[in-house]
Amino acid sequence: MGIFDAMNASASGLTAQRLRMDVASSNVANANSTRASLNAQGEWEPYRRKMVVFGPKDQSFKSHLEAAFRLSIQSGNSQGVKAAKITEDETPFKQVYNPDHPDSNPEGYVQTPNVDPLQEMVDMMSATRSYEANVTSLNASKSMLMKALEIGR
């Protein structure tokens, strides 16, 4: 295990949680967008909620097998988290009755985005707390390294 591995793991967590906050804020910003993209038929579709999927930084089977056989990681593989992909939520759009809206169908219903502002706020709060935990871990690692340097005086 290298001297900076803990800092690198915290840094990857900071980057991942920042992306999660960015995606949640984008979802909130587009919560009322009824014309976000064109579908295959050439019709406008509302904004679809996006979600971040996290995964380990090193996804090879070999690295997981080696880590399982050793008590401590000696191989120098970087540990941490990364955003594997950003997916779209496939839940159906909400139907709101508003016959005066320009995007209403013949029955008077408008398809609105599948974004729940309350859920997005909870996701942002969770990402913020995770970000703060990673900052605390990074500061603890930095403090330990500084104390180790003071021993040499």
N, C-alpha and C. Protein backbone atom coordinates (compact mmCIF):
# COMPACT_ATOMS: atom_id res chain seq x y z
N MET A 1 0.85 -1.18 0.00
CA MET A 1 0.00 0.00 0.00
C MET A 1 0.89 1.24 0.00
N GLY A 2 0.63 2.13 -0.92
CA GLY A 2 1.43 3.34 -1.04
C GLY A 2 1.03 4.40 -0.05
N ILE A 3 1.87 5.39 0.07
CA ILE A 3 1.64 6.45 1.03
C ILE A 3 0.46 7.34 0.65
N PHE A 4 0.18 7.46 -0.63
CA PHE A 4 -0.88 8.34 -1.08
C PHE A 4 -2.16 7.60 -1.49
N ASP A 5 -2.24 6.29 -1.24
CA ASP A 5 -3.43 5.53 -1.66
C ASP A 5 -4.71 6.01 -0.98
N ALA A 6 -4.62 6.35 0.30
CA ALA A 6 -5.82 6.83 1.00
C ALA A 6 -6.28 8.17 0.42
N MET A 7 -5.32 9.02 0.09
CA MET A 7 -5.68 10.31 -0.51
C MET A 7 -6.28 10.13 -1.91
N ASN A 8 -5.73 9.18 -2.66
CA ASN A 8 -6.26 8.92 -4.00
C ASN A 8 -7.69 8.36 -3.94
N ALA A 9 -7.95 7.48 -2.96
CA ALA A 9 -9.29 6.94 -2.81
C ALA A 9 -10.28 8.04 -2.43
N SER A 10 -9.87 8.93 -1.53
CA SER A 10 -10.73 10.06 -1.15
C SER A 10 -10.96 11.00 -2.33
N ALA A 11 -9.93 11.22 -3.11
CA ALA A 11 -10.07 12.11 -4.27
C ALA A 11 -11.02 11.52 -5.30
N SER A 12 -10.98 10.22 -5.50
CA SER A 12 -11.91 9.61 -6.45
C SER A 12 -13.34 9.71 -5.93
N GLY A 13 -13.52 9.58 -4.62
CA GLY A 13 -14.84 9.75 -4.02
C GLY A 13 -15.35 11.18 -4.18
N LEU A 14 -14.45 12.16 -4.01
CA LEU A 14 -14.84 13.55 -4.21
C LEU A 14 -15.31 13.80 -5.64
N THR A 15 -14.59 13.27 -6.60
CA THR A 15 -14.95 13.45 -8.00
C THR A 15 -16.29 12.79 -8.31
N ALA A 16 -16.50 11.59 -7.79
CA ALA A 16 -17.75 10.87 -8.05
C ALA A 16 -18.95 11.59 -7.43
N GLN A 17 -18.80 12.08 -6.21
CA GLN A 17 -19.92 12.76 -5.55
C GLN A 17 -20.20 14.12 -6.20
N ARG A 18 -19.18 14.75 -6.71
CA ARG A 18 -19.38 16.01 -7.43
C ARG A 18 -20.21 15.78 -8.68
N LEU A 19 -19.92 14.72 -9.40
CA LEU A 19 -20.72 14.37 -10.59
C LEU A 19 -22.16 14.06 -10.19
N ARG A 20 -22.33 13.35 -9.09
CA ARG A 20 -23.68 13.02 -8.61
C ARG A 20 -24.46 14.29 -8.29
N MET A 21 -23.81 15.28 -7.66
CA MET A 21 -24.48 16.56 -7.37
C MET A 21 -24.81 17.31 -8.66
N ASP A 22 -23.90 17.27 -9.63
CA ASP A 22 -24.14 17.94 -10.91
C ASP A 22 -25.35 17.34 -11.63
N VAL A 23 -25.45 16.01 -11.64
CA VAL A 23 -26.57 15.34 -12.31
C VAL A 23 -27.87 15.65 -11.60
N ALA A 24 -27.88 15.63 -10.27
CA ALA A 24 -29.10 15.94 -9.52
C ALA A 24 -29.53 17.38 -9.75
N SER A 25 -28.59 18.30 -9.80
CA SER A 25 -28.95 19.70 -10.04
C SER A 25 -29.45 19.89 -11.47
N SER A 26 -28.91 19.14 -12.41
CA SER A 26 -29.42 19.18 -13.79
C SER A 26 -30.85 18.65 -13.85
N ASN A 27 -31.13 17.61 -13.09
CA ASN A 27 -32.49 17.07 -13.04
C ASN A 27 -33.48 18.10 -12.50
N VAL A 28 -33.08 18.80 -11.44
CA VAL A 28 -33.96 19.82 -10.85
C VAL A 28 -34.16 20.97 -11.84
N ALA A 29 -33.10 21.36 -12.53
CA ALA A 29 -33.19 22.47 -13.47
C ALA A 29 -34.12 22.15 -14.64
N ASN A 30 -34.23 20.87 -14.99
CA ASN A 30 -35.05 20.47 -16.13
C ASN A 30 -36.37 19.83 -15.72
N ALA A 31 -36.79 20.04 -14.49
CA ALA A 31 -38.00 19.40 -13.98
C ALA A 31 -39.27 19.82 -14.71
N ASN A 32 -39.24 20.93 -15.43
CA ASN A 32 -40.42 21.40 -16.15
C ASN A 32 -40.21 21.43 -17.66
N SER A 33 -39.17 20.80 -18.16
CA SER A 33 -38.86 20.83 -19.60
C SER A 33 -39.70 19.79 -20.34
N THR A 34 -40.65 20.25 -21.12
CA THR A 34 -41.51 19.32 -21.86
C THR A 34 -40.96 19.03 -23.26
N ARG A 35 -39.96 19.77 -23.69
CA ARG A 35 -39.34 19.54 -25.00
C ARG A 35 -37.83 19.42 -24.84
N ALA A 36 -37.38 18.25 -24.45
CA ALA A 36 -35.95 18.06 -24.21
C ALA A 36 -35.25 17.36 -25.36
N SER A 37 -35.92 16.39 -25.99
CA SER A 37 -35.27 15.64 -27.07
C SER A 37 -36.31 15.15 -28.06
N LEU A 38 -35.84 14.88 -29.26
CA LEU A 38 -36.71 14.32 -30.30
C LEU A 38 -36.63 12.80 -30.25
N ASN A 39 -37.78 12.12 -30.34
CA ASN A 39 -37.77 10.66 -30.37
C ASN A 39 -37.64 10.17 -31.80
N ALA A 40 -37.74 8.87 -32.02
CA ALA A 40 -37.55 8.28 -33.35
C ALA A 40 -38.64 8.71 -34.33
N GLN A 41 -39.82 9.06 -33.83
CA GLN A 41 -40.92 9.50 -34.69
C GLN A 41 -40.87 10.99 -35.00
N GLY A 42 -39.87 11.68 -34.50
CA GLY A 42 -39.74 13.11 -34.74
C GLY A 42 -40.59 13.96 -33.83
N GLU A 43 -41.07 13.40 -32.72
CA GLU A 43 -41.89 14.14 -31.75
C GLU A 43 -41.03 14.51 -30.55
N TRP A 44 -41.38 15.63 -29.93
CA TRP A 44 -40.66 16.08 -28.74
C TRP A 44 -41.03 15.22 -27.55
N GLU A 45 -40.03 14.91 -26.74
CA GLU A 45 -40.24 14.18 -25.48
C GLU A 45 -39.79 15.04 -24.32
N PRO A 46 -40.43 14.88 -23.16
CA PRO A 46 -39.97 15.61 -21.97
C PRO A 46 -38.59 15.11 -21.52
N TYR A 47 -38.01 15.87 -20.64
CA TYR A 47 -36.70 15.52 -20.07
C TYR A 47 -36.84 14.24 -19.26
N ARG A 48 -35.89 13.33 -19.42
CA ARG A 48 -35.84 12.11 -18.60
C ARG A 48 -34.82 12.29 -17.49
N ARG A 49 -35.22 11.88 -16.30
CA ARG A 49 -34.34 11.94 -15.14
C ARG A 49 -33.10 11.10 -15.39
N LYS A 50 -31.96 11.62 -15.00
CA LYS A 50 -30.69 10.90 -15.16
C LYS A 50 -30.16 10.47 -13.79
N MET A 51 -29.46 9.35 -13.77
CA MET A 51 -28.90 8.80 -12.55
C MET A 51 -27.46 8.38 -12.80
N VAL A 52 -26.61 8.49 -11.78
CA VAL A 52 -25.21 8.09 -11.88
C VAL A 52 -25.06 6.69 -11.29
N VAL A 53 -24.34 5.84 -12.00
CA VAL A 53 -24.05 4.48 -11.53
C VAL A 53 -22.57 4.44 -11.20
N PHE A 54 -22.26 4.08 -9.96
CA PHE A 54 -20.87 4.01 -9.50
C PHE A 54 -20.36 2.59 -9.60
N GLY A 55 -19.04 2.48 -9.72
CA GLY A 55 -18.38 1.18 -9.74
C GLY A 55 -16.97 1.33 -9.21
N PRO A 56 -16.28 0.22 -9.00
CA PRO A 56 -14.89 0.30 -8.54
C PRO A 56 -14.00 0.85 -9.65
N LYS A 57 -12.93 1.51 -9.25
CA LYS A 57 -12.01 2.08 -10.23
C LYS A 57 -11.36 0.99 -11.08
N ASP A 58 -10.96 -0.08 -10.45
CA ASP A 58 -10.30 -1.18 -11.16
C ASP A 58 -11.28 -2.35 -11.20
N GLN A 59 -11.78 -2.68 -12.37
CA GLN A 59 -12.83 -3.69 -12.47
C GLN A 59 -12.35 -5.03 -13.01
N SER A 60 -11.08 -5.25 -13.09
CA SER A 60 -10.62 -6.52 -13.63
C SER A 60 -10.82 -7.64 -12.59
N PHE A 61 -11.14 -8.80 -13.07
CA PHE A 61 -11.34 -9.95 -12.20
C PHE A 61 -10.05 -10.30 -11.47
N LYS A 62 -8.95 -10.16 -12.18
CA LYS A 62 -7.65 -10.48 -11.59
C LYS A 62 -7.38 -9.64 -10.34
N SER A 63 -7.68 -8.34 -10.41
CA SER A 63 -7.40 -7.47 -9.26
C SER A 63 -8.29 -7.84 -8.06
N HIS A 64 -9.53 -8.20 -8.31
CA HIS A 64 -10.40 -8.59 -7.20
C HIS A 64 -9.97 -9.93 -6.60
N LEU A 65 -9.52 -10.84 -7.45
CA LEU A 65 -9.04 -12.14 -6.98
C LEU A 65 -7.78 -11.99 -6.14
N GLU A 66 -6.85 -11.16 -6.61
CA GLU A 66 -5.62 -10.92 -5.86
C GLU A 66 -5.91 -10.27 -4.51
N ALA A 67 -6.84 -9.33 -4.48
CA ALA A 67 -7.19 -8.66 -3.23
C ALA A 67 -7.84 -9.63 -2.25
N ALA A 68 -8.59 -10.60 -2.76
CA ALA A 68 -9.23 -11.58 -1.88
C ALA A 68 -8.22 -12.52 -1.25
N PHE A 69 -7.11 -12.81 -1.95
CA PHE A 69 -6.11 -13.73 -1.43
C PHE A 69 -5.14 -13.07 -0.47
N ARG A 70 -5.05 -11.77 -0.46
CA ARG A 70 -4.12 -11.06 0.42
C ARG A 70 -4.87 -10.30 1.49
N LEU A 71 -4.26 -10.18 2.65
CA LEU A 71 -4.88 -9.39 3.70
C LEU A 71 -4.71 -7.91 3.43
N SER A 72 -3.58 -7.54 2.90
CA SER A 72 -3.34 -6.15 2.54
C SER A 72 -3.01 -6.08 1.07
N ILE A 73 -3.34 -4.99 0.44
CA ILE A 73 -3.12 -4.85 -1.00
C ILE A 73 -1.68 -4.39 -1.22
N GLN A 74 -0.90 -5.27 -1.87
CA GLN A 74 0.50 -4.98 -2.12
C GLN A 74 0.77 -4.70 -3.60
N SER A 75 -0.24 -4.86 -4.45
CA SER A 75 0.00 -4.81 -5.90
C SER A 75 0.11 -3.39 -6.44
N GLY A 76 -0.28 -2.38 -5.68
CA GLY A 76 -0.20 -1.01 -6.17
C GLY A 76 -1.37 -0.60 -7.04
N ASN A 77 -2.40 -1.46 -7.13
CA ASN A 77 -3.58 -1.08 -7.91
C ASN A 77 -4.27 0.08 -7.24
N SER A 78 -4.74 1.01 -8.03
CA SER A 78 -5.43 2.16 -7.45
C SER A 78 -6.80 1.74 -6.96
N GLN A 79 -7.14 2.15 -5.77
CA GLN A 79 -8.42 1.84 -5.18
C GLN A 79 -9.28 3.09 -5.23
N GLY A 80 -10.57 2.92 -5.20
CA GLY A 80 -11.46 4.07 -5.21
C GLY A 80 -12.72 3.76 -5.97
N VAL A 81 -13.39 4.83 -6.33
CA VAL A 81 -14.67 4.71 -7.02
C VAL A 81 -14.64 5.58 -8.27
N LYS A 82 -15.45 5.21 -9.23
CA LYS A 82 -15.60 6.02 -10.43
C LYS A 82 -17.05 5.93 -10.89
N ALA A 83 -17.45 6.88 -11.68
CA ALA A 83 -18.79 6.86 -12.26
C ALA A 83 -18.73 5.93 -13.46
N ALA A 84 -19.41 4.80 -13.36
CA ALA A 84 -19.39 3.82 -14.44
C ALA A 84 -20.18 4.32 -15.64
N LYS A 85 -21.35 4.92 -15.38
CA LYS A 85 -22.16 5.47 -16.46
C LYS A 85 -23.27 6.33 -15.89
N ILE A 86 -23.86 7.11 -16.76
CA ILE A 86 -25.03 7.91 -16.40
C ILE A 86 -26.19 7.32 -17.18
N THR A 87 -27.20 6.84 -16.47
CA THR A 87 -28.35 6.21 -17.11
C THR A 87 -29.57 7.11 -17.01
N GLU A 88 -30.55 6.81 -17.85
CA GLU A 88 -31.81 7.54 -17.81
C GLU A 88 -32.85 6.69 -17.09
N ASP A 89 -33.65 7.33 -16.28
CA ASP A 89 -34.73 6.68 -15.55
C ASP A 89 -35.85 6.36 -16.54
N GLU A 90 -36.25 5.11 -16.62
CA GLU A 90 -37.25 4.69 -17.59
C GLU A 90 -38.68 4.69 -17.04
N THR A 91 -38.90 5.31 -15.87
CA THR A 91 -40.27 5.40 -15.39
C THR A 91 -41.08 6.26 -16.34
N PRO A 92 -42.39 5.99 -16.44
CA PRO A 92 -43.20 6.76 -17.41
C PRO A 92 -43.30 8.23 -17.02
N PHE A 93 -43.53 9.05 -18.04
CA PHE A 93 -43.70 10.48 -17.80
C PHE A 93 -45.01 10.72 -17.06
N LYS A 94 -45.08 11.82 -16.33
CA LYS A 94 -46.30 12.20 -15.63
C LYS A 94 -47.26 12.84 -16.62
N GLN A 95 -48.54 12.57 -16.47
CA GLN A 95 -49.57 13.17 -17.31
C GLN A 95 -50.29 14.25 -16.50
N VAL A 96 -50.30 15.47 -17.00
CA VAL A 96 -50.96 16.60 -16.32
C VAL A 96 -52.01 17.17 -17.27
N TYR A 97 -53.21 17.36 -16.75
CA TYR A 97 -54.27 17.93 -17.58
C TYR A 97 -54.10 19.44 -17.68
N ASN A 98 -53.82 19.91 -18.91
CA ASN A 98 -53.64 21.33 -19.19
C ASN A 98 -53.91 21.54 -20.68
N PRO A 99 -55.20 21.69 -21.05
CA PRO A 99 -55.53 21.78 -22.48
C PRO A 99 -54.99 23.04 -23.16
N ASP A 100 -54.60 24.06 -22.40
CA ASP A 100 -54.09 25.30 -22.99
C ASP A 100 -52.59 25.24 -23.31
N HIS A 101 -51.90 24.21 -22.84
CA HIS A 101 -50.46 24.08 -23.06
C HIS A 101 -50.20 23.72 -24.52
N PRO A 102 -49.16 24.31 -25.13
CA PRO A 102 -48.88 24.01 -26.54
C PRO A 102 -48.48 22.55 -26.80
N ASP A 103 -48.02 21.83 -25.80
CA ASP A 103 -47.61 20.43 -25.98
C ASP A 103 -48.69 19.43 -25.56
N SER A 104 -49.91 19.89 -25.33
CA SER A 104 -50.96 18.97 -24.89
C SER A 104 -51.42 18.10 -26.05
N ASN A 105 -51.84 16.88 -25.71
CA ASN A 105 -52.34 15.96 -26.73
C ASN A 105 -53.83 16.27 -26.99
N PRO A 106 -54.48 15.59 -27.92
CA PRO A 106 -55.89 15.90 -28.21
C PRO A 106 -56.83 15.78 -27.01
N GLU A 107 -56.48 14.96 -26.02
CA GLU A 107 -57.31 14.84 -24.81
C GLU A 107 -57.04 15.96 -23.80
N GLY A 108 -56.01 16.77 -24.03
CA GLY A 108 -55.69 17.89 -23.15
C GLY A 108 -54.62 17.58 -22.12
N TYR A 109 -53.97 16.43 -22.22
CA TYR A 109 -52.93 16.05 -21.26
C TYR A 109 -51.54 16.39 -21.80
N VAL A 110 -50.68 16.82 -20.91
CA VAL A 110 -49.30 17.16 -21.25
C VAL A 110 -48.39 16.16 -20.53
N GLN A 111 -47.43 15.61 -21.26
CA GLN A 111 -46.43 14.75 -20.63
C GLN A 111 -45.36 15.65 -20.01
N THR A 112 -45.13 15.44 -18.71
CA THR A 112 -44.10 16.21 -18.01
C THR A 112 -42.98 15.27 -17.57
N PRO A 113 -41.80 15.81 -17.28
CA PRO A 113 -40.66 14.96 -16.92
C PRO A 113 -40.94 14.08 -15.70
N ASN A 114 -40.21 12.96 -15.64
CA ASN A 114 -40.34 12.02 -14.53
C ASN A 114 -39.40 12.38 -13.38
N VAL A 115 -39.20 13.65 -13.17
CA VAL A 115 -38.30 14.15 -12.12
C VAL A 115 -39.13 14.50 -10.88
N ASP A 116 -38.74 13.96 -9.74
CA ASP A 116 -39.37 14.31 -8.47
C ASP A 116 -38.40 15.22 -7.71
N PRO A 117 -38.72 16.51 -7.57
CA PRO A 117 -37.79 17.44 -6.92
C PRO A 117 -37.40 17.01 -5.50
N LEU A 118 -38.32 16.40 -4.77
CA LEU A 118 -38.01 15.95 -3.41
C LEU A 118 -36.94 14.86 -3.44
N GLN A 119 -37.08 13.91 -4.35
CA GLN A 119 -36.08 12.84 -4.47
C GLN A 119 -34.73 13.41 -4.89
N GLU A 120 -34.74 14.39 -5.76
CA GLU A 120 -33.48 15.00 -6.19
C GLU A 120 -32.80 15.75 -5.05
N MET A 121 -33.59 16.41 -4.21
CA MET A 121 -33.01 17.11 -3.06
C MET A 121 -32.41 16.11 -2.07
N VAL A 122 -33.07 14.98 -1.87
CA VAL A 122 -32.51 13.95 -1.00
C VAL A 122 -31.21 13.41 -1.58
N ASP A 123 -31.18 13.19 -2.90
CA ASP A 123 -29.94 12.74 -3.55
C ASP A 123 -28.82 13.76 -3.39
N MET A 124 -29.16 15.05 -3.53
CA MET A 124 -28.14 16.09 -3.37
C MET A 124 -27.63 16.16 -1.93
N MET A 125 -28.52 16.01 -0.98
CA MET A 125 -28.09 16.02 0.42
C MET A 125 -27.19 14.83 0.73
N SER A 126 -27.56 13.67 0.19
CA SER A 126 -26.74 12.47 0.40
C SER A 126 -25.37 12.63 -0.25
N ALA A 127 -25.33 13.18 -1.46
CA ALA A 127 -24.06 13.41 -2.14
C ALA A 127 -23.21 14.43 -1.37
N THR A 128 -23.86 15.44 -0.82
CA THR A 128 -23.14 16.45 -0.04
C THR A 128 -22.51 15.83 1.21
N ARG A 129 -23.26 14.97 1.88
CA ARG A 129 -22.73 14.31 3.09
C ARG A 129 -21.57 13.38 2.73
N SER A 130 -21.70 12.66 1.62
CA SER A 130 -20.61 11.79 1.18
C SER A 130 -19.38 12.60 0.80
N TYR A 131 -19.60 13.74 0.17
CA TYR A 131 -18.50 14.63 -0.19
C TYR A 131 -17.78 15.11 1.06
N GLU A 132 -18.56 15.52 2.07
CA GLU A 132 -17.98 15.98 3.33
C GLU A 132 -17.19 14.87 4.02
N ALA A 133 -17.70 13.63 3.96
CA ALA A 133 -16.98 12.51 4.57
C ALA A 133 -15.64 12.28 3.86
N ASN A 134 -15.63 12.41 2.55
CA ASN A 134 -14.38 12.24 1.80
C ASN A 134 -13.40 13.37 2.10
N VAL A 135 -13.89 14.58 2.29
CA VAL A 135 -13.02 15.70 2.66
C VAL A 135 -12.40 15.45 4.04
N THR A 136 -13.21 14.95 4.97
CA THR A 136 -12.71 14.64 6.31
C THR A 136 -11.63 13.56 6.25
N SER A 137 -11.87 12.53 5.44
CA SER A 137 -10.89 11.47 5.28
C SER A 137 -9.60 12.00 4.64
N LEU A 138 -9.74 12.86 3.66
CA LEU A 138 -8.58 13.44 3.01
C LEU A 138 -7.77 14.29 4.00
N ASN A 139 -8.45 15.08 4.81
CA ASN A 139 -7.77 15.90 5.81
C ASN A 139 -7.08 15.05 6.87
N ALA A 140 -7.71 13.93 7.26
CA ALA A 140 -7.08 13.02 8.24
C ALA A 140 -5.81 12.41 7.65
N SER A 141 -5.87 12.01 6.40
CA SER A 141 -4.67 11.45 5.74
C SER A 141 -3.56 12.49 5.66
N LYS A 142 -3.93 13.69 5.30
CA LYS A 142 -2.95 14.78 5.22
C LYS A 142 -2.32 15.05 6.58
N SER A 143 -3.14 15.05 7.61
CA SER A 143 -2.65 15.29 8.97
C SER A 143 -1.67 14.19 9.41
N MET A 144 -2.01 12.93 9.08
CA MET A 144 -1.11 11.83 9.45
C MET A 144 0.22 11.94 8.71
N LEU A 145 0.18 12.32 7.45
CA LEU A 145 1.43 12.49 6.70
C LEU A 145 2.27 13.64 7.26
N MET A 146 1.63 14.71 7.67
CA MET A 146 2.35 15.84 8.26
C MET A 146 3.00 15.44 9.59
N LYS A 147 2.27 14.66 10.39
CA LYS A 147 2.84 14.20 11.67
C LYS A 147 4.02 13.27 11.42
N ALA A 148 3.92 12.45 10.36
CA ALA A 148 5.03 11.56 10.04
C ALA A 148 6.26 12.35 9.63
N LEU A 149 6.06 13.45 8.93
CA LEU A 149 7.19 14.30 8.55
C LEU A 149 7.82 15.00 9.76
N GLU A 150 6.99 15.31 10.77
CA GLU A 150 7.51 15.96 11.97
C GLU A 150 8.38 15.02 12.80
N ILE A 151 8.17 13.73 12.65
CA ILE A 151 8.98 12.76 13.41
C ILE A 151 10.45 12.89 13.03
N GLY A 152 10.71 13.20 11.77
CA GLY A 152 12.09 13.30 11.28
C GLY A 152 12.83 14.52 11.79
N ARG A 153 12.18 15.45 12.44
CA ARG A 153 12.88 16.64 12.93
C ARG A 153 13.71 16.40 14.12
